[in-house]
Amino acid sequence: MDPARVNSPSTCTVTLEVLGHKLSFAQDPNSKHLGTTVWDASMVFAKYLGKNCRKGRFSPSKLKGKRVIELGAGCGVAGFALAMLGSDVVSTDQKEVLPLLKRNVE
């Protein structure tokens, strides 16, 4: 296993810098539900928003007040990033995944 890897089967919390804020996301990578893992794609998306939020369509002035529904939110990384840019986010997932998503919101 690569020691520099952020996310592994034994990682219960993933800490990311999202738009200048350190956020910790609880996860259960050993669960049978796919939504209980912080996926690399969600981390890349949050970083992408962070790098591109100063211009164009991802600027807070463009996203402020926009309504976003995140289907299959899992741990909620993408929704958090969009909310931090001013979007009104509703995150949803299967009922088995919701307790973990709620924990990350708190």
PDB file of N, CA and C in Angstrom:
ATOM      1  N   MET A   1       0.851  -1.186   0.000  1.00  0.00           N
ATOM      2  CA  MET A   1       0.000   0.000   0.000  1.00  0.00           C
ATOM      3  C   MET A   1       0.886   1.235   0.000  1.00  0.00           C
ATOM      4  N   ASP A   2       0.553   2.174  -0.808  1.00  0.00           N
ATOM      5  CA  ASP A   2       1.303   3.424  -0.911  1.00  0.00           C
ATOM      6  C   ASP A   2       1.097   4.246   0.363  1.00  0.00           C
ATOM      7  N   PRO A   3       2.174   4.542   1.138  1.00  0.00           N
ATOM      8  CA  PRO A   3       2.006   5.282   2.387  1.00  0.00           C
ATOM      9  C   PRO A   3       1.504   6.705   2.183  1.00  0.00           C
ATOM     10  N   ALA A   4       1.651   7.254   0.986  1.00  0.00           N
ATOM     11  CA  ALA A   4       1.200   8.623   0.726  1.00  0.00           C
ATOM     12  C   ALA A   4      -0.282   8.674   0.355  1.00  0.00           C
ATOM     13  N   ARG A   5      -0.903   7.523   0.217  1.00  0.00           N
ATOM     14  CA  ARG A   5      -2.308   7.476  -0.200  1.00  0.00           C
ATOM     15  C   ARG A   5      -3.206   8.046   0.893  1.00  0.00           C
ATOM     16  N   VAL A   6      -4.122   8.904   0.501  1.00  0.00           N
ATOM     17  CA  VAL A   6      -5.033   9.557   1.442  1.00  0.00           C
ATOM     18  C   VAL A   6      -6.117   8.598   1.916  1.00  0.00           C
ATOM     19  N   ASN A   7      -6.560   7.736   1.049  1.00  0.00           N
ATOM     20  CA  ASN A   7      -7.721   6.903   1.296  1.00  0.00           C
ATOM     21  C   ASN A   7      -7.335   5.435   1.127  1.00  0.00           C
ATOM     22  N   SER A   8      -7.605   4.625   2.140  1.00  0.00           N
ATOM     23  CA  SER A   8      -7.281   3.203   2.062  1.00  0.00           C
ATOM     24  C   SER A   8      -8.374   2.415   2.785  1.00  0.00           C
ATOM     25  N   PRO A   9      -8.357   1.080   2.691  1.00  0.00           N
ATOM     26  CA  PRO A   9      -9.381   0.281   3.369  1.00  0.00           C
ATOM     27  C   PRO A   9      -9.395   0.447   4.887  1.00  0.00           C
ATOM     28  N   SER A  10      -8.331   0.984   5.468  1.00  0.00           N
ATOM     29  CA  SER A  10      -8.296   1.164   6.920  1.00  0.00           C
ATOM     30  C   SER A  10      -8.536   2.612   7.354  1.00  0.00           C
ATOM     31  N   THR A  11      -8.832   3.496   6.415  1.00  0.00           N
ATOM     32  CA  THR A  11      -9.024   4.912   6.730  1.00  0.00           C
ATOM     33  C   THR A  11     -10.485   5.178   7.079  1.00  0.00           C
ATOM     34  N   CYS A  12     -10.748   5.595   8.322  1.00  0.00           N
ATOM     35  CA  CYS A  12     -12.119   5.885   8.751  1.00  0.00           C
ATOM     36  C   CYS A  12     -12.476   7.355   8.593  1.00  0.00           C
ATOM     37  N   THR A  13     -11.463   8.209   8.475  1.00  0.00           N
ATOM     38  CA  THR A  13     -11.687   9.639   8.278  1.00  0.00           C
ATOM     39  C   THR A  13     -10.732  10.143   7.214  1.00  0.00           C
ATOM     40  N   VAL A  14     -11.250  10.920   6.295  1.00  0.00           N
ATOM     41  CA  VAL A  14     -10.428  11.536   5.259  1.00  0.00           C
ATOM     42  C   VAL A  14     -10.490  13.044   5.480  1.00  0.00           C
ATOM     43  N   THR A  15      -9.326  13.678   5.621  1.00  0.00           N
ATOM     44  CA  THR A  15      -9.261  15.119   5.808  1.00  0.00           C
ATOM     45  C   THR A  15      -8.790  15.755   4.513  1.00  0.00           C
ATOM     46  N   LEU A  16      -9.566  16.728   4.047  1.00  0.00           N
ATOM     47  CA  LEU A  16      -9.266  17.414   2.794  1.00  0.00           C
ATOM     48  C   LEU A  16      -9.264  18.912   3.025  1.00  0.00           C
ATOM     49  N   GLU A  17      -8.457  19.613   2.247  1.00  0.00           N
ATOM     50  CA  GLU A  17      -8.572  21.062   2.231  1.00  0.00           C
ATOM     51  C   GLU A  17      -9.506  21.402   1.079  1.00  0.00           C
ATOM     52  N   VAL A  18     -10.627  22.000   1.430  1.00  0.00           N
ATOM     53  CA  VAL A  18     -11.638  22.364   0.445  1.00  0.00           C
ATOM     54  C   VAL A  18     -11.838  23.871   0.519  1.00  0.00           C
ATOM     55  N   LEU A  19     -11.460  24.563  -0.534  1.00  0.00           N
ATOM     56  CA  LEU A  19     -11.627  26.012  -0.621  1.00  0.00           C
ATOM     57  C   LEU A  19     -11.026  26.727   0.584  1.00  0.00           C
ATOM     58  N   GLY A  20      -9.843  26.286   0.982  1.00  0.00           N
ATOM     59  CA  GLY A  20      -9.123  26.929   2.074  1.00  0.00           C
ATOM     60  C   GLY A  20      -9.536  26.488   3.463  1.00  0.00           C
ATOM     61  N   HIS A  21     -10.442  25.532   3.579  1.00  0.00           N
ATOM     62  CA  HIS A  21     -10.886  25.026   4.877  1.00  0.00           C
ATOM     63  C   HIS A  21     -10.541  23.546   4.985  1.00  0.00           C
ATOM     64  N   LYS A  22     -10.050  23.129   6.155  1.00  0.00           N
ATOM     65  CA  LYS A  22      -9.804  21.705   6.381  1.00  0.00           C
ATOM     66  C   LYS A  22     -11.098  21.060   6.844  1.00  0.00           C
ATOM     67  N   LEU A  23     -11.547  20.075   6.098  1.00  0.00           N
ATOM     68  CA  LEU A  23     -12.768  19.351   6.429  1.00  0.00           C
ATOM     69  C   LEU A  23     -12.444  17.880   6.603  1.00  0.00           C
ATOM     70  N   SER A  24     -13.050  17.265   7.611  1.00  0.00           N
ATOM     71  CA  SER A  24     -12.881  15.832   7.838  1.00  0.00           C
ATOM     72  C   SER A  24     -14.181  15.126   7.484  1.00  0.00           C
ATOM     73  N   PHE A  25     -14.059  14.083   6.688  1.00  0.00           N
ATOM     74  CA  PHE A  25     -15.210  13.303   6.256  1.00  0.00           C
ATOM     75  C   PHE A  25     -15.090  11.891   6.808  1.00  0.00           C
ATOM     76  N   ALA A  26     -16.094  11.479   7.580  1.00  0.00           N
ATOM     77  CA  ALA A  26     -16.139  10.108   8.068  1.00  0.00           C
ATOM     78  C   ALA A  26     -16.506   9.199   6.903  1.00  0.00           C
ATOM     79  N   GLN A  27     -15.958   7.996   6.931  1.00  0.00           N
ATOM     80  CA  GLN A  27     -16.285   7.022   5.896  1.00  0.00           C
ATOM     81  C   GLN A  27     -16.175   5.621   6.478  1.00  0.00           C
ATOM     82  N   ASP A  28     -16.714   4.654   5.783  1.00  0.00           N
ATOM     83  CA  ASP A  28     -16.590   3.246   6.145  1.00  0.00           C
ATOM     84  C   ASP A  28     -16.244   2.479   4.874  1.00  0.00           C
ATOM     85  N   PRO A  29     -14.949   2.444   4.514  1.00  0.00           N
ATOM     86  CA  PRO A  29     -14.556   1.820   3.251  1.00  0.00           C
ATOM     87  C   PRO A  29     -14.774   0.310   3.206  1.00  0.00           C
ATOM     88  N   ASN A  30     -15.081  -0.303   4.345  1.00  0.00           N
ATOM     89  CA  ASN A  30     -15.294  -1.746   4.373  1.00  0.00           C
ATOM     90  C   ASN A  30     -16.776  -2.120   4.346  1.00  0.00           C
ATOM     91  N   SER A  31     -17.635  -1.126   4.202  1.00  0.00           N
ATOM     92  CA  SER A  31     -19.070  -1.365   4.118  1.00  0.00           C
ATOM     93  C   SER A  31     -19.409  -1.962   2.754  1.00  0.00           C
ATOM     94  N   LYS A  32     -20.554  -2.617   2.685  1.00  0.00           N
ATOM     95  CA  LYS A  32     -20.999  -3.160   1.396  1.00  0.00           C
ATOM     96  C   LYS A  32     -21.643  -2.092   0.518  1.00  0.00           C
ATOM     97  N   HIS A  33     -21.838  -0.888   1.070  1.00  0.00           N
ATOM     98  CA  HIS A  33     -22.460   0.201   0.322  1.00  0.00           C
ATOM     99  C   HIS A  33     -21.395   1.113  -0.278  1.00  0.00           C
ATOM    100  N   LEU A  34     -21.492   1.366  -1.554  1.00  0.00           N
ATOM    101  CA  LEU A  34     -20.504   2.204  -2.243  1.00  0.00           C
ATOM    102  C   LEU A  34     -20.484   3.634  -1.724  1.00  0.00           C
ATOM    103  N   GLY A  35     -21.612   4.119  -1.225  1.00  0.00           N
ATOM    104  CA  GLY A  35     -21.711   5.505  -0.791  1.00  0.00           C
ATOM    105  C   GLY A  35     -21.027   5.818   0.522  1.00  0.00           C
ATOM    106  N   THR A  36     -20.485   4.811   1.186  1.00  0.00           N
ATOM    107  CA  THR A  36     -19.842   5.065   2.478  1.00  0.00           C
ATOM    108  C   THR A  36     -18.338   5.290   2.352  1.00  0.00           C
ATOM    109  N   THR A  37     -17.876   5.479   1.135  1.00  0.00           N
ATOM    110  CA  THR A  37     -16.457   5.722   0.871  1.00  0.00           C
ATOM    111  C   THR A  37     -16.283   7.093   0.231  1.00  0.00           C
ATOM    112  N   VAL A  38     -15.255   7.821   0.674  1.00  0.00           N
ATOM    113  CA  VAL A  38     -14.898   9.071   0.001  1.00  0.00           C
ATOM    114  C   VAL A  38     -14.147   8.671  -1.264  1.00  0.00           C
ATOM    115  N   TRP A  39     -14.770   8.885  -2.403  1.00  0.00           N
ATOM    116  CA  TRP A  39     -14.184   8.471  -3.672  1.00  0.00           C
ATOM    117  C   TRP A  39     -13.205   9.511  -4.192  1.00  0.00           C
ATOM    118  N   ASP A  40     -12.178   9.029  -4.874  1.00  0.00           N
ATOM    119  CA  ASP A  40     -11.172   9.925  -5.453  1.00  0.00           C
ATOM    120  C   ASP A  40     -11.814  10.974  -6.357  1.00  0.00           C
ATOM    121  N   ALA A  41     -12.843  10.577  -7.098  1.00  0.00           N
ATOM    122  CA  ALA A  41     -13.496  11.519  -8.018  1.00  0.00           C
ATOM    123  C   ALA A  41     -14.101  12.704  -7.274  1.00  0.00           C
ATOM    124  N   SER A  42     -14.659  12.471  -6.087  1.00  0.00           N
ATOM    125  CA  SER A  42     -15.239  13.587  -5.333  1.00  0.00           C
ATOM    126  C   SER A  42     -14.149  14.518  -4.816  1.00  0.00           C
ATOM    127  N   MET A  43     -13.006  13.956  -4.441  1.00  0.00           N
ATOM    128  CA  MET A  43     -11.885  14.791  -3.994  1.00  0.00           C
ATOM    129  C   MET A  43     -11.355  15.632  -5.153  1.00  0.00           C
ATOM    130  N   VAL A  44     -11.251  15.021  -6.330  1.00  0.00           N
ATOM    131  CA  VAL A  44     -10.776  15.751  -7.513  1.00  0.00           C
ATOM    132  C   VAL A  44     -11.763  16.856  -7.878  1.00  0.00           C
ATOM    133  N   PHE A  45     -13.062  16.567  -7.808  1.00  0.00           N
ATOM    134  CA  PHE A  45     -14.071  17.575  -8.128  1.00  0.00           C
ATOM    135  C   PHE A  45     -13.986  18.764  -7.172  1.00  0.00           C
ATOM    136  N   ALA A  46     -13.840  18.491  -5.881  1.00  0.00           N
ATOM    137  CA  ALA A  46     -13.723  19.577  -4.896  1.00  0.00           C
ATOM    138  C   ALA A  46     -12.482  20.421  -5.168  1.00  0.00           C
ATOM    139  N   LYS A  47     -11.367  19.771  -5.488  1.00  0.00           N
ATOM    140  CA  LYS A  47     -10.135  20.508  -5.815  1.00  0.00           C
ATOM    141  C   LYS A  47     -10.318  21.319  -7.102  1.00  0.00           C
ATOM    142  N   TYR A  48     -10.996  20.739  -8.075  1.00  0.00           N
ATOM    143  CA  TYR A  48     -11.257  21.436  -9.337  1.00  0.00           C
ATOM    144  C   TYR A  48     -12.060  22.712  -9.087  1.00  0.00           C
ATOM    145  N   LEU A  49     -13.106  22.599  -8.278  1.00  0.00           N
ATOM    146  CA  LEU A  49     -13.899  23.783  -7.949  1.00  0.00           C
ATOM    147  C   LEU A  49     -13.038  24.827  -7.250  1.00  0.00           C
ATOM    148  N   GLY A  50     -12.189  24.372  -6.331  1.00  0.00           N
ATOM    149  CA  GLY A  50     -11.318  25.293  -5.612  1.00  0.00           C
ATOM    150  C   GLY A  50     -10.361  26.037  -6.522  1.00  0.00           C
ATOM    151  N   LYS A  51      -9.825  25.342  -7.508  1.00  0.00           N
ATOM    152  CA  LYS A  51      -8.871  25.976  -8.426  1.00  0.00           C
ATOM    153  C   LYS A  51      -9.546  26.867  -9.458  1.00  0.00           C
ATOM    154  N   ASN A  52     -10.815  26.634  -9.716  1.00  0.00           N
ATOM    155  CA  ASN A  52     -11.513  27.380 -10.765  1.00  0.00           C
ATOM    156  C   ASN A  52     -12.603  28.310 -10.242  1.00  0.00           C
ATOM    157  N   CYS A  53     -12.643  28.521  -8.932  1.00  0.00           N
ATOM    158  CA  CYS A  53     -13.737  29.318  -8.364  1.00  0.00           C
ATOM    159  C   CYS A  53     -13.520  30.820  -8.501  1.00  0.00           C
ATOM    160  N   ARG A  54     -12.385  31.234  -8.965  1.00  0.00           N
ATOM    161  CA  ARG A  54     -12.120  32.664  -9.087  1.00  0.00           C
ATOM    162  C   ARG A  54     -12.499  33.222 -10.458  1.00  0.00           C
ATOM    163  N   LYS A  55     -13.016  32.348 -11.309  1.00  0.00           N
ATOM    164  CA  LYS A  55     -13.330  32.814 -12.659  1.00  0.00           C
ATOM    165  C   LYS A  55     -14.541  32.074 -13.215  1.00  0.00           C
ATOM    166  N   GLY A  56     -15.170  32.690 -14.151  1.00  0.00           N
ATOM    167  CA  GLY A  56     -16.202  32.035 -14.948  1.00  0.00           C
ATOM    168  C   GLY A  56     -17.353  31.426 -14.190  1.00  0.00           C
ATOM    169  N   ARG A  57     -17.808  30.303 -14.690  1.00  0.00           N
ATOM    170  CA  ARG A  57     -19.047  29.711 -14.193  1.00  0.00           C
ATOM    171  C   ARG A  57     -18.944  29.086 -12.813  1.00  0.00           C
ATOM    172  N   PHE A  58     -17.740  28.939 -12.270  1.00  0.00           N
ATOM    173  CA  PHE A  58     -17.594  28.371 -10.933  1.00  0.00           C
ATOM    174  C   PHE A  58     -17.322  29.416  -9.867  1.00  0.00           C
ATOM    175  N   SER A  59     -17.418  30.687 -10.218  1.00  0.00           N
ATOM    176  CA  SER A  59     -17.181  31.738  -9.227  1.00  0.00           C
ATOM    177  C   SER A  59     -18.365  31.787  -8.258  1.00  0.00           C
ATOM    178  N   PRO A  60     -18.100  32.162  -7.004  1.00  0.00           N
ATOM    179  CA  PRO A  60     -19.194  32.248  -6.038  1.00  0.00           C
ATOM    180  C   PRO A  60     -20.334  33.149  -6.504  1.00  0.00           C
ATOM    181  N   SER A  61     -20.023  34.204  -7.242  1.00  0.00           N
ATOM    182  CA  SER A  61     -21.097  35.090  -7.716  1.00  0.00           C
ATOM    183  C   SER A  61     -22.029  34.369  -8.694  1.00  0.00           C
ATOM    184  N   LYS A  62     -21.510  33.401  -9.425  1.00  0.00           N
ATOM    185  CA  LYS A  62     -22.342  32.630 -10.368  1.00  0.00           C
ATOM    186  C   LYS A  62     -23.096  31.499  -9.657  1.00  0.00           C
ATOM    187  N   LEU A  63     -22.478  30.931  -8.601  1.00  0.00           N
ATOM    188  CA  LEU A  63     -23.082  29.784  -7.925  1.00  0.00           C
ATOM    189  C   LEU A  63     -23.975  30.171  -6.752  1.00  0.00           C
ATOM    190  N   LYS A  64     -23.809  31.375  -6.233  1.00  0.00           N
ATOM    191  CA  LYS A  64     -24.581  31.801  -5.058  1.00  0.00           C
ATOM    192  C   LYS A  64     -26.075  31.699  -5.343  1.00  0.00           C
ATOM    193  N   GLY A  65     -26.754  30.952  -4.469  1.00  0.00           N
ATOM    194  CA  GLY A  65     -28.198  30.802  -4.588  1.00  0.00           C
ATOM    195  C   GLY A  65     -28.663  29.772  -5.600  1.00  0.00           C
ATOM    196  N   LYS A  66     -27.750  29.200  -6.373  1.00  0.00           N
ATOM    197  CA  LYS A  66     -28.147  28.158  -7.331  1.00  0.00           C
ATOM    198  C   LYS A  66     -28.573  26.924  -6.546  1.00  0.00           C
ATOM    199  N   ARG A  67     -29.610  26.270  -7.018  1.00  0.00           N
ATOM    200  CA  ARG A  67     -30.092  25.067  -6.341  1.00  0.00           C
ATOM    201  C   ARG A  67     -29.425  23.847  -6.954  1.00  0.00           C
ATOM    202  N   VAL A  68     -28.859  23.034  -6.086  1.00  0.00           N
ATOM    203  CA  VAL A  68     -28.136  21.834  -6.512  1.00  0.00           C
ATOM    204  C   VAL A  68     -28.735  20.645  -5.780  1.00  0.00           C
ATOM    205  N   ILE A  69     -29.020  19.578  -6.508  1.00  0.00           N
ATOM    206  CA  ILE A  69     -29.406  18.329  -5.870  1.00  0.00           C
ATOM    207  C   ILE A  69     -28.318  17.316  -6.177  1.00  0.00           C
ATOM    208  N   GLU A  70     -27.770  16.762  -5.130  1.00  0.00           N
ATOM    209  CA  GLU A  70     -26.694  15.781  -5.276  1.00  0.00           C
ATOM    210  C   GLU A  70     -27.299  14.395  -5.058  1.00  0.00           C
ATOM    211  N   LEU A  71     -27.493  13.674  -6.141  1.00  0.00           N
ATOM    212  CA  LEU A  71     -28.047  12.323  -6.077  1.00  0.00           C
ATOM    213  C   LEU A  71     -26.918  11.340  -5.835  1.00  0.00           C
ATOM    214  N   GLY A  72     -27.066  10.494  -4.841  1.00  0.00           N
ATOM    215  CA  GLY A  72     -25.986   9.574  -4.515  1.00  0.00           C
ATOM    216  C   GLY A  72     -24.813  10.318  -3.898  1.00  0.00           C
ATOM    217  N   ALA A  73     -25.100  11.150  -2.912  1.00  0.00           N
ATOM    218  CA  ALA A  73     -24.085  12.027  -2.318  1.00  0.00           C
ATOM    219  C   ALA A  73     -22.989  11.272  -1.584  1.00  0.00           C
ATOM    220  N   GLY A  74     -23.297  10.086  -1.099  1.00  0.00           N
ATOM    221  CA  GLY A  74     -22.290   9.352  -0.339  1.00  0.00           C
ATOM    222  C   GLY A  74     -21.872  10.127   0.896  1.00  0.00           C
ATOM    223  N   CYS A  75     -20.593  10.397   1.023  1.00  0.00           N
ATOM    224  CA  CYS A  75     -20.056  11.122   2.181  1.00  0.00           C
ATOM    225  C   CYS A  75     -20.250  12.625   2.067  1.00  0.00           C
ATOM    226  N   GLY A  76     -20.655  13.122   0.906  1.00  0.00           N
ATOM    227  CA  GLY A  76     -21.034  14.517   0.749  1.00  0.00           C
ATOM    228  C   GLY A  76     -19.962  15.491   0.312  1.00  0.00           C
ATOM    229  N   VAL A  77     -18.820  15.017  -0.134  1.00  0.00           N
ATOM    230  CA  VAL A  77     -17.703  15.910  -0.471  1.00  0.00           C
ATOM    231  C   VAL A  77     -18.088  16.933  -1.542  1.00  0.00           C
ATOM    232  N   ALA A  78     -18.674  16.488  -2.626  1.00  0.00           N
ATOM    233  CA  ALA A  78     -19.029  17.407  -3.720  1.00  0.00           C
ATOM    234  C   ALA A  78     -20.054  18.439  -3.260  1.00  0.00           C
ATOM    235  N   GLY A  79     -21.043  18.002  -2.508  1.00  0.00           N
ATOM    236  CA  GLY A  79     -22.062  18.914  -2.008  1.00  0.00           C
ATOM    237  C   GLY A  79     -21.496  19.967  -1.072  1.00  0.00           C
ATOM    238  N   PHE A  80     -20.559  19.567  -0.215  1.00  0.00           N
ATOM    239  CA  PHE A  80     -19.917  20.533   0.683  1.00  0.00           C
ATOM    240  C   PHE A  80     -19.184  21.598  -0.117  1.00  0.00           C
ATOM    241  N   ALA A  81     -18.450  21.175  -1.132  1.00  0.00           N
ATOM    242  CA  ALA A  81     -17.689  22.137  -1.941  1.00  0.00           C
ATOM    243  C   ALA A  81     -18.627  23.132  -2.616  1.00  0.00           C
ATOM    244  N   LEU A  82     -19.719  22.650  -3.179  1.00  0.00           N
ATOM    245  CA  LEU A  82     -20.680  23.545  -3.833  1.00  0.00           C
ATOM    246  C   LEU A  82     -21.366  24.464  -2.824  1.00  0.00           C
ATOM    247  N   ALA A  83     -21.680  23.947  -1.647  1.00  0.00           N
ATOM    248  CA  ALA A  83     -22.297  24.778  -0.609  1.00  0.00           C
ATOM    249  C   ALA A  83     -21.343  25.875  -0.146  1.00  0.00           C
ATOM    250  N   MET A  84     -20.062  25.550  -0.066  1.00  0.00           N
ATOM    251  CA  MET A  84     -19.075  26.548   0.354  1.00  0.00           C
ATOM    252  C   MET A  84     -18.935  27.663  -0.677  1.00  0.00           C
ATOM    253  N   LEU A  85     -19.335  27.393  -1.905  1.00  0.00           N
ATOM    254  CA  LEU A  85     -19.319  28.420  -2.952  1.00  0.00           C
ATOM    255  C   LEU A  85     -20.653  29.168  -3.044  1.00  0.00           C
ATOM    256  N   GLY A  86     -21.572  28.860  -2.139  1.00  0.00           N
ATOM    257  CA  GLY A  86     -22.817  29.615  -2.076  1.00  0.00           C
ATOM    258  C   GLY A  86     -24.044  28.940  -2.647  1.00  0.00           C
ATOM    259  N   SER A  87     -23.894  27.732  -3.160  1.00  0.00           N
ATOM    260  CA  SER A  87     -25.055  27.023  -3.710  1.00  0.00           C
ATOM    261  C   SER A  87     -25.933  26.489  -2.580  1.00  0.00           C
ATOM    262  N   ASP A  88     -27.226  26.379  -2.851  1.00  0.00           N
ATOM    263  CA  ASP A  88     -28.156  25.736  -1.925  1.00  0.00           C
ATOM    264  C   ASP A  88     -28.201  24.263  -2.316  1.00  0.00           C
ATOM    265  N   VAL A  89     -27.643  23.409  -1.465  1.00  0.00           N
ATOM    266  CA  VAL A  89     -27.439  22.003  -1.819  1.00  0.00           C
ATOM    267  C   VAL A  89     -28.389  21.101  -1.035  1.00  0.00           C
ATOM    268  N   VAL A  90     -29.010  20.177  -1.738  1.00  0.00           N
ATOM    269  CA  VAL A  90     -29.756  19.082  -1.129  1.00  0.00           C
ATOM    270  C   VAL A  90     -29.016  17.816  -1.521  1.00  0.00           C
ATOM    271  N   SER A  91     -28.538  17.081  -0.517  1.00  0.00           N
ATOM    272  CA  SER A  91     -27.793  15.843  -0.773  1.00  0.00           C
ATOM    273  C   SER A  91     -28.671  14.654  -0.415  1.00  0.00           C
ATOM    274  N   THR A  92     -28.713  13.669  -1.292  1.00  0.00           N
ATOM    275  CA  THR A  92     -29.539  12.484  -1.068  1.00  0.00           C
ATOM    276  C   THR A  92     -28.719  11.226  -1.317  1.00  0.00           C
ATOM    277  N   ASP A  93     -29.165  10.142  -0.714  1.00  0.00           N
ATOM    278  CA  ASP A  93     -28.552   8.842  -0.969  1.00  0.00           C
ATOM    279  C   ASP A  93     -29.500   7.773  -0.436  1.00  0.00           C
ATOM    280  N   GLN A  94     -29.089   6.525  -0.524  1.00  0.00           N
ATOM    281  CA  GLN A  94     -29.884   5.420  -0.017  1.00  0.00           C
ATOM    282  C   GLN A  94     -29.956   5.505   1.505  1.00  0.00           C
ATOM    283  N   LYS A  95     -31.022   4.938   2.071  1.00  0.00           N
ATOM    284  CA  LYS A  95     -31.231   5.068   3.516  1.00  0.00           C
ATOM    285  C   LYS A  95     -30.086   4.474   4.333  1.00  0.00           C
ATOM    286  N   GLU A  96     -29.405   3.468   3.816  1.00  0.00           N
ATOM    287  CA  GLU A  96     -28.288   2.865   4.553  1.00  0.00           C
ATOM    288  C   GLU A  96     -27.079   3.801   4.632  1.00  0.00           C
ATOM    289  N   VAL A  97     -26.984   4.737   3.726  1.00  0.00           N
ATOM    290  CA  VAL A  97     -25.836   5.650   3.657  1.00  0.00           C
ATOM    291  C   VAL A  97     -26.104   6.947   4.423  1.00  0.00           C
ATOM    292  N   LEU A  98     -27.368   7.297   4.616  1.00  0.00           N
ATOM    293  CA  LEU A  98     -27.724   8.581   5.220  1.00  0.00           C
ATOM    294  C   LEU A  98     -27.122   8.835   6.603  1.00  0.00           C
ATOM    295  N   PRO A  99     -27.020   7.839   7.507  1.00  0.00           N
ATOM    296  CA  PRO A  99     -26.414   8.142   8.810  1.00  0.00           C
ATOM    297  C   PRO A  99     -24.982   8.688   8.692  1.00  0.00           C
ATOM    298  N   LEU A 100     -24.215   8.161   7.779  1.00  0.00           N
ATOM    299  CA  LEU A 100     -22.846   8.647   7.585  1.00  0.00           C
ATOM    300  C   LEU A 100     -22.852  10.054   6.988  1.00  0.00           C
ATOM    301  N   LEU A 101     -23.713  10.300   6.033  1.00  0.00           N
ATOM    302  CA  LEU A 101     -23.832  11.637   5.443  1.00  0.00           C
ATOM    303  C   LEU A 101     -24.245  12.651   6.511  1.00  0.00           C
ATOM    304  N   LYS A 102     -25.212  12.284   7.351  1.00  0.00           N
ATOM    305  CA  LYS A 102     -25.647  13.179   8.436  1.00  0.00           C
ATOM    306  C   LYS A 102     -24.500  13.470   9.396  1.00  0.00           C
ATOM    307  N   ARG A 103     -23.716  12.461   9.707  1.00  0.00           N
ATOM    308  CA  ARG A 103     -22.564  12.658  10.606  1.00  0.00           C
ATOM    309  C   ARG A 103     -21.584  13.651  10.000  1.00  0.00           C
ATOM    310  N   ASN A 104     -21.373  13.585   8.706  1.00  0.00           N
ATOM    311  CA  ASN A 104     -20.452  14.524   8.059  1.00  0.00           C
ATOM    312  C   ASN A 104     -21.020  15.941   8.030  1.00  0.00           C
ATOM    313  N   VAL A 105     -22.325  16.066   7.944  1.00  0.00           N
ATOM    314  CA  VAL A 105     -22.946  17.390   7.962  1.00  0.00           C
ATOM    315  C   VAL A 105     -22.777  18.035   9.336  1.00  0.00           C
ATOM    316  N   GLU A 106     -22.892  17.238  10.382  1.00  0.00           N
ATOM    317  CA  GLU A 106     -22.762  17.766  11.745  1.00  0.00           C
ATOM    318  C   GLU A 106     -21.340  18.180  12.003  1.00  0.00           C
TER     319      GLU A 106
END
